[in-house]
Amino acid sequence: MSDNSAAYITTADALTLLLHNQHAICAAIEEMTKWLTENGVGGVAANTIAAMETLDTNAQALTDAILRLRRL
């Protein structure tokens, strides 16, 4: 295993942990969005939905990067 290979694995592992954190944050925001909607704070709920969309987009980019690193 070359030094680059070990670095790629370490980087992919770190990105995987960040991705798991992102999923957890998204789940928490989803719960808050549900509560906000149920309690008549629709404007704030709309903002949290926008935040979740950004997390989803970034999660996909992280997933793609992880897969590329693991193939090297």
PDB file of N, CA and C in Angstrom:
ATOM      1  N   MET A   1       0.856  -1.172   0.000  1.00  0.00           N
ATOM      2  CA  MET A   1       0.000   0.000   0.000  1.00  0.00           C
ATOM      3  C   MET A   1       0.901   1.234   0.000  1.00  0.00           C
ATOM      4  N   SER A   2       0.684   2.108  -0.964  1.00  0.00           N
ATOM      5  CA  SER A   2       1.509   3.310  -1.042  1.00  0.00           C
ATOM      6  C   SER A   2       1.045   4.350  -0.022  1.00  0.00           C
ATOM      7  N   ASP A   3       1.887   5.352   0.199  1.00  0.00           N
ATOM      8  CA  ASP A   3       1.524   6.435   1.111  1.00  0.00           C
ATOM      9  C   ASP A   3       0.269   7.143   0.633  1.00  0.00           C
ATOM     10  N   ASN A   4       0.151   7.335  -0.683  1.00  0.00           N
ATOM     11  CA  ASN A   4      -1.041   7.983  -1.226  1.00  0.00           C
ATOM     12  C   ASN A   4      -2.283   7.167  -0.922  1.00  0.00           C
ATOM     13  N   SER A   5      -2.179   5.873  -1.045  1.00  0.00           N
ATOM     14  CA  SER A   5      -3.324   5.000  -0.793  1.00  0.00           C
ATOM     15  C   SER A   5      -3.807   5.131   0.649  1.00  0.00           C
ATOM     16  N   ALA A   6      -2.877   5.158   1.571  1.00  0.00           N
ATOM     17  CA  ALA A   6      -3.229   5.320   2.981  1.00  0.00           C
ATOM     18  C   ALA A   6      -3.871   6.682   3.218  1.00  0.00           C
ATOM     19  N   ALA A   7      -3.373   7.698   2.557  1.00  0.00           N
ATOM     20  CA  ALA A   7      -3.941   9.041   2.699  1.00  0.00           C
ATOM     21  C   ALA A   7      -5.353   9.083   2.138  1.00  0.00           C
ATOM     22  N   TYR A   8      -5.575   8.405   1.017  1.00  0.00           N
ATOM     23  CA  TYR A   8      -6.915   8.367   0.425  1.00  0.00           C
ATOM     24  C   TYR A   8      -7.898   7.670   1.360  1.00  0.00           C
ATOM     25  N   ILE A   9      -7.462   6.582   1.954  1.00  0.00           N
ATOM     26  CA  ILE A   9      -8.331   5.845   2.878  1.00  0.00           C
ATOM     27  C   ILE A   9      -8.652   6.700   4.101  1.00  0.00           C
ATOM     28  N   THR A  10      -7.638   7.347   4.648  1.00  0.00           N
ATOM     29  CA  THR A  10      -7.852   8.211   5.812  1.00  0.00           C
ATOM     30  C   THR A  10      -8.794   9.360   5.476  1.00  0.00           C
ATOM     31  N   THR A  11      -8.604   9.954   4.318  1.00  0.00           N
ATOM     32  CA  THR A  11      -9.470  11.051   3.887  1.00  0.00           C
ATOM     33  C   THR A  11     -10.899  10.560   3.688  1.00  0.00           C
ATOM     34  N   ALA A  12     -11.052   9.408   3.046  1.00  0.00           N
ATOM     35  CA  ALA A  12     -12.383   8.846   2.833  1.00  0.00           C
ATOM     36  C   ALA A  12     -13.063   8.521   4.161  1.00  0.00           C
ATOM     37  N   ASP A  13     -12.298   7.997   5.109  1.00  0.00           N
ATOM     38  CA  ASP A  13     -12.860   7.698   6.433  1.00  0.00           C
ATOM     39  C   ASP A  13     -13.329   8.972   7.131  1.00  0.00           C
ATOM     40  N   ALA A  14     -12.525  10.033   7.046  1.00  0.00           N
ATOM     41  CA  ALA A  14     -12.900  11.306   7.668  1.00  0.00           C
ATOM     42  C   ALA A  14     -14.144  11.890   6.999  1.00  0.00           C
ATOM     43  N   LEU A  15     -14.195  11.834   5.677  1.00  0.00           N
ATOM     44  CA  LEU A  15     -15.372  12.332   4.958  1.00  0.00           C
ATOM     45  C   LEU A  15     -16.613  11.510   5.297  1.00  0.00           C
ATOM     46  N   THR A  16     -16.435  10.222   5.510  1.00  0.00           N
ATOM     47  CA  THR A  16     -17.564   9.369   5.890  1.00  0.00           C
ATOM     48  C   THR A  16     -18.130   9.803   7.232  1.00  0.00           C
ATOM     49  N   LEU A  17     -17.254  10.116   8.176  1.00  0.00           N
ATOM     50  CA  LEU A  17     -17.727  10.602   9.476  1.00  0.00           C
ATOM     51  C   LEU A  17     -18.460  11.930   9.335  1.00  0.00           C
ATOM     52  N   LEU A  18     -17.938  12.824   8.510  1.00  0.00           N
ATOM     53  CA  LEU A  18     -18.625  14.092   8.261  1.00  0.00           C
ATOM     54  C   LEU A  18     -19.993  13.862   7.617  1.00  0.00           C
ATOM     55  N   LEU A  19     -20.064  12.915   6.723  1.00  0.00           N
ATOM     56  CA  LEU A  19     -21.335  12.584   6.082  1.00  0.00           C
ATOM     57  C   LEU A  19     -22.339  12.064   7.101  1.00  0.00           C
ATOM     58  N   HIS A  20     -21.894  11.215   8.015  1.00  0.00           N
ATOM     59  CA  HIS A  20     -22.786  10.719   9.073  1.00  0.00           C
ATOM     60  C   HIS A  20     -23.282  11.876   9.944  1.00  0.00           C
ATOM     61  N   ASN A  21     -22.385  12.813  10.250  1.00  0.00           N
ATOM     62  CA  ASN A  21     -22.791  13.994  11.012  1.00  0.00           C
ATOM     63  C   ASN A  21     -23.832  14.798  10.249  1.00  0.00           C
ATOM     64  N   GLN A  22     -23.637  14.936   8.959  1.00  0.00           N
ATOM     65  CA  GLN A  22     -24.572  15.688   8.142  1.00  0.00           C
ATOM     66  C   GLN A  22     -25.951  15.036   8.152  1.00  0.00           C
ATOM     67  N   HIS A  23     -25.980  13.718   8.077  1.00  0.00           N
ATOM     68  CA  HIS A  23     -27.268  13.008   8.132  1.00  0.00           C
ATOM     69  C   HIS A  23     -27.954  13.240   9.477  1.00  0.00           C
ATOM     70  N   ALA A  24     -27.185  13.240  10.547  1.00  0.00           N
ATOM     71  CA  ALA A  24     -27.751  13.474  11.879  1.00  0.00           C
ATOM     72  C   ALA A  24     -28.291  14.901  12.003  1.00  0.00           C
ATOM     73  N   ILE A  25     -27.540  15.857  11.491  1.00  0.00           N
ATOM     74  CA  ILE A  25     -27.996  17.249  11.519  1.00  0.00           C
ATOM     75  C   ILE A  25     -29.276  17.403  10.714  1.00  0.00           C
ATOM     76  N   CYS A  26     -29.320  16.782   9.559  1.00  0.00           N
ATOM     77  CA  CYS A  26     -30.515  16.858   8.717  1.00  0.00           C
ATOM     78  C   CYS A  26     -31.722  16.249   9.441  1.00  0.00           C
ATOM     79  N   ALA A  27     -31.534  15.142  10.118  1.00  0.00           N
ATOM     80  CA  ALA A  27     -32.639  14.516  10.862  1.00  0.00           C
ATOM     81  C   ALA A  27     -33.130  15.445  11.967  1.00  0.00           C
ATOM     82  N   ALA A  28     -32.211  16.117  12.651  1.00  0.00           N
ATOM     83  CA  ALA A  28     -32.604  17.051  13.705  1.00  0.00           C
ATOM     84  C   ALA A  28     -33.372  18.233  13.124  1.00  0.00           C
ATOM     85  N   ILE A  29     -32.899  18.761  12.003  1.00  0.00           N
ATOM     86  CA  ILE A  29     -33.594  19.879  11.364  1.00  0.00           C
ATOM     87  C   ILE A  29     -34.975  19.447  10.891  1.00  0.00           C
ATOM     88  N   GLU A  30     -35.066  18.221  10.405  1.00  0.00           N
ATOM     89  CA  GLU A  30     -36.368  17.701   9.968  1.00  0.00           C
ATOM     90  C   GLU A  30     -37.361  17.654  11.133  1.00  0.00           C
ATOM     91  N   GLU A  31     -36.890  17.222  12.287  1.00  0.00           N
ATOM     92  CA  GLU A  31     -37.755  17.197  13.471  1.00  0.00           C
ATOM     93  C   GLU A  31     -38.190  18.602  13.871  1.00  0.00           C
ATOM     94  N   MET A  32     -37.257  19.548  13.814  1.00  0.00           N
ATOM     95  CA  MET A  32     -37.604  20.931  14.140  1.00  0.00           C
ATOM     96  C   MET A  32     -38.602  21.496  13.128  1.00  0.00           C
ATOM     97  N   THR A  33     -38.409  21.164  11.875  1.00  0.00           N
ATOM     98  CA  THR A  33     -39.324  21.633  10.828  1.00  0.00           C
ATOM     99  C   THR A  33     -40.729  21.125  11.077  1.00  0.00           C
ATOM    100  N   LYS A  34     -40.836  19.868  11.448  1.00  0.00           N
ATOM    101  CA  LYS A  34     -42.153  19.287  11.754  1.00  0.00           C
ATOM    102  C   LYS A  34     -42.805  20.035  12.914  1.00  0.00           C
ATOM    103  N   TRP A  35     -42.045  20.284  13.961  1.00  0.00           N
ATOM    104  CA  TRP A  35     -42.581  20.989  15.120  1.00  0.00           C
ATOM    105  C   TRP A  35     -43.006  22.409  14.747  1.00  0.00           C
ATOM    106  N   LEU A  36     -42.159  23.103  13.979  1.00  0.00           N
ATOM    107  CA  LEU A  36     -42.480  24.467  13.568  1.00  0.00           C
ATOM    108  C   LEU A  36     -43.765  24.514  12.740  1.00  0.00           C
ATOM    109  N   THR A  37     -43.897  23.574  11.824  1.00  0.00           N
ATOM    110  CA  THR A  37     -45.095  23.517  10.982  1.00  0.00           C
ATOM    111  C   THR A  37     -46.328  23.260  11.824  1.00  0.00           C
ATOM    112  N   GLU A  38     -46.232  22.324  12.759  1.00  0.00           N
ATOM    113  CA  GLU A  38     -47.370  21.984  13.620  1.00  0.00           C
ATOM    114  C   GLU A  38     -47.746  23.121  14.562  1.00  0.00           C
ATOM    115  N   ASN A  39     -46.811  24.029  14.832  1.00  0.00           N
ATOM    116  CA  ASN A  39     -47.060  25.119  15.772  1.00  0.00           C
ATOM    117  C   ASN A  39     -47.213  26.471  15.079  1.00  0.00           C
ATOM    118  N   GLY A  40     -47.538  26.430  13.808  1.00  0.00           N
ATOM    119  CA  GLY A  40     -47.888  27.644  13.090  1.00  0.00           C
ATOM    120  C   GLY A  40     -46.760  28.599  12.772  1.00  0.00           C
ATOM    121  N   VAL A  41     -45.553  28.103  12.685  1.00  0.00           N
ATOM    122  CA  VAL A  41     -44.414  28.961  12.357  1.00  0.00           C
ATOM    123  C   VAL A  41     -43.895  28.546  10.972  1.00  0.00           C
ATOM    124  N   GLY A  42     -44.799  28.668   9.990  1.00  0.00           N
ATOM    125  CA  GLY A  42     -44.505  28.185   8.642  1.00  0.00           C
ATOM    126  C   GLY A  42     -43.344  28.884   7.967  1.00  0.00           C
ATOM    127  N   GLY A  43     -43.172  30.186   8.213  1.00  0.00           N
ATOM    128  CA  GLY A  43     -42.068  30.908   7.578  1.00  0.00           C
ATOM    129  C   GLY A  43     -40.720  30.374   8.015  1.00  0.00           C
ATOM    130  N   VAL A  44     -40.583  30.107   9.282  1.00  0.00           N
ATOM    131  CA  VAL A  44     -39.331  29.543   9.794  1.00  0.00           C
ATOM    132  C   VAL A  44     -39.157  28.115   9.277  1.00  0.00           C
ATOM    133  N   ALA A  45     -40.263  27.389   9.207  1.00  0.00           N
ATOM    134  CA  ALA A  45     -40.201  26.015   8.689  1.00  0.00           C
ATOM    135  C   ALA A  45     -39.681  26.007   7.256  1.00  0.00           C
ATOM    136  N   ALA A  46     -40.108  26.975   6.462  1.00  0.00           N
ATOM    137  CA  ALA A  46     -39.631  27.061   5.081  1.00  0.00           C
ATOM    138  C   ALA A  46     -38.119  27.268   5.037  1.00  0.00           C
ATOM    139  N   ASN A  47     -37.600  28.073   5.951  1.00  0.00           N
ATOM    140  CA  ASN A  47     -36.150  28.282   6.000  1.00  0.00           C
ATOM    141  C   ASN A  47     -35.412  27.002   6.385  1.00  0.00           C
ATOM    142  N   THR A  48     -35.986  26.224   7.277  1.00  0.00           N
ATOM    143  CA  THR A  48     -35.318  24.982   7.671  1.00  0.00           C
ATOM    144  C   THR A  48     -35.341  23.974   6.530  1.00  0.00           C
ATOM    145  N   ILE A  49     -36.393  23.999   5.724  1.00  0.00           N
ATOM    146  CA  ILE A  49     -36.447  23.111   4.559  1.00  0.00           C
ATOM    147  C   ILE A  49     -35.338  23.476   3.576  1.00  0.00           C
ATOM    148  N   ALA A  50     -35.097  24.769   3.389  1.00  0.00           N
ATOM    149  CA  ALA A  50     -34.004  25.206   2.516  1.00  0.00           C
ATOM    150  C   ALA A  50     -32.660  24.714   3.053  1.00  0.00           C
ATOM    151  N   ALA A  51     -32.482  24.751   4.363  1.00  0.00           N
ATOM    152  CA  ALA A  51     -31.242  24.255   4.962  1.00  0.00           C
ATOM    153  C   ALA A  51     -31.076  22.757   4.706  1.00  0.00           C
ATOM    154  N   MET A  52     -32.176  22.009   4.807  1.00  0.00           N
ATOM    155  CA  MET A  52     -32.104  20.565   4.550  1.00  0.00           C
ATOM    156  C   MET A  52     -31.756  20.282   3.096  1.00  0.00           C
ATOM    157  N   GLU A  53     -32.261  21.085   2.182  1.00  0.00           N
ATOM    158  CA  GLU A  53     -31.930  20.894   0.771  1.00  0.00           C
ATOM    159  C   GLU A  53     -30.439  21.102   0.533  1.00  0.00           C
ATOM    160  N   THR A  54     -29.862  22.090   1.194  1.00  0.00           N
ATOM    161  CA  THR A  54     -28.421  22.317   1.085  1.00  0.00           C
ATOM    162  C   THR A  54     -27.648  21.137   1.654  1.00  0.00           C
ATOM    163  N   LEU A  55     -28.077  20.632   2.800  1.00  0.00           N
ATOM    164  CA  LEU A  55     -27.420  19.459   3.389  1.00  0.00           C
ATOM    165  C   LEU A  55     -27.502  18.258   2.454  1.00  0.00           C
ATOM    166  N   ASP A  56     -28.654  18.066   1.819  1.00  0.00           N
ATOM    167  CA  ASP A  56     -28.808  16.945   0.881  1.00  0.00           C
ATOM    168  C   ASP A  56     -27.859  17.085  -0.303  1.00  0.00           C
ATOM    169  N   THR A  57     -27.765  18.281  -0.846  1.00  0.00           N
ATOM    170  CA  THR A  57     -26.865  18.522  -1.980  1.00  0.00           C
ATOM    171  C   THR A  57     -25.423  18.244  -1.583  1.00  0.00           C
ATOM    172  N   ASN A  58     -25.032  18.771  -0.437  1.00  0.00           N
ATOM    173  CA  ASN A  58     -23.659  18.565   0.019  1.00  0.00           C
ATOM    174  C   ASN A  58     -23.397  17.113   0.392  1.00  0.00           C
ATOM    175  N   ALA A  59     -24.398  16.427   0.913  1.00  0.00           N
ATOM    176  CA  ALA A  59     -24.233  15.009   1.245  1.00  0.00           C
ATOM    177  C   ALA A  59     -23.953  14.207  -0.015  1.00  0.00           C
ATOM    178  N   GLN A  60     -24.620  14.541  -1.084  1.00  0.00           N
ATOM    179  CA  GLN A  60     -24.373  13.829  -2.343  1.00  0.00           C
ATOM    180  C   GLN A  60     -22.951  14.081  -2.837  1.00  0.00           C
ATOM    181  N   ALA A  61     -22.487  15.320  -2.731  1.00  0.00           N
ATOM    182  CA  ALA A  61     -21.117  15.641  -3.145  1.00  0.00           C
ATOM    183  C   ALA A  61     -20.100  14.899  -2.276  1.00  0.00           C
ATOM    184  N   LEU A  62     -20.351  14.823  -0.977  1.00  0.00           N
ATOM    185  CA  LEU A  62     -19.461  14.065  -0.087  1.00  0.00           C
ATOM    186  C   LEU A  62     -19.454  12.584  -0.450  1.00  0.00           C
ATOM    187  N   THR A  63     -20.624  12.044  -0.719  1.00  0.00           N
ATOM    188  CA  THR A  63     -20.725  10.629  -1.103  1.00  0.00           C
ATOM    189  C   THR A  63     -19.924  10.361  -2.366  1.00  0.00           C
ATOM    190  N   ASP A  64     -20.061  11.225  -3.356  1.00  0.00           N
ATOM    191  CA  ASP A  64     -19.306  11.063  -4.603  1.00  0.00           C
ATOM    192  C   ASP A  64     -17.801  11.118  -4.358  1.00  0.00           C
ATOM    193  N   ALA A  65     -17.358  12.057  -3.523  1.00  0.00           N
ATOM    194  CA  ALA A  65     -15.929  12.175  -3.222  1.00  0.00           C
ATOM    195  C   ALA A  65     -15.420  10.937  -2.491  1.00  0.00           C
ATOM    196  N   ILE A  66     -16.208  10.440  -1.551  1.00  0.00           N
ATOM    197  CA  ILE A  66     -15.821   9.236  -0.804  1.00  0.00           C
ATOM    198  C   ILE A  66     -15.664   8.053  -1.757  1.00  0.00           C
ATOM    199  N   LEU A  67     -16.623   7.889  -2.649  1.00  0.00           N
ATOM    200  CA  LEU A  67     -16.550   6.774  -3.599  1.00  0.00           C
ATOM    201  C   LEU A  67     -15.338   6.892  -4.520  1.00  0.00           C
ATOM    202  N   ARG A  68     -15.037   8.114  -4.972  1.00  0.00           N
ATOM    203  CA  ARG A  68     -13.859   8.301  -5.818  1.00  0.00           C
ATOM    204  C   ARG A  68     -12.582   7.948  -5.054  1.00  0.00           C
ATOM    205  N   LEU A  69     -12.474   8.405  -3.807  1.00  0.00           N
ATOM    206  CA  LEU A  69     -11.282   8.114  -3.015  1.00  0.00           C
ATOM    207  C   LEU A  69     -11.127   6.618  -2.758  1.00  0.00           C
ATOM    208  N   ARG A  70     -12.221   5.948  -2.508  1.00  0.00           N
ATOM    209  CA  ARG A  70     -12.142   4.512  -2.200  1.00  0.00           C
ATOM    210  C   ARG A  70     -11.777   3.693  -3.427  1.00  0.00           C
ATOM    211  N   ARG A  71     -11.977   4.232  -4.617  1.00  0.00           N
ATOM    212  CA  ARG A  71     -11.604   3.523  -5.848  1.00  0.00           C
ATOM    213  C   ARG A  71     -10.133   3.692  -6.195  1.00  0.00           C
ATOM    214  N   LEU A  72      -9.472   4.686  -5.582  1.00  0.00           N
ATOM    215  CA  LEU A  72      -8.050   4.940  -5.906  1.00  0.00           C
ATOM    216  C   LEU A  72      -7.129   3.921  -5.282  1.00  0.00           C
TER     217      LEU A  72
END
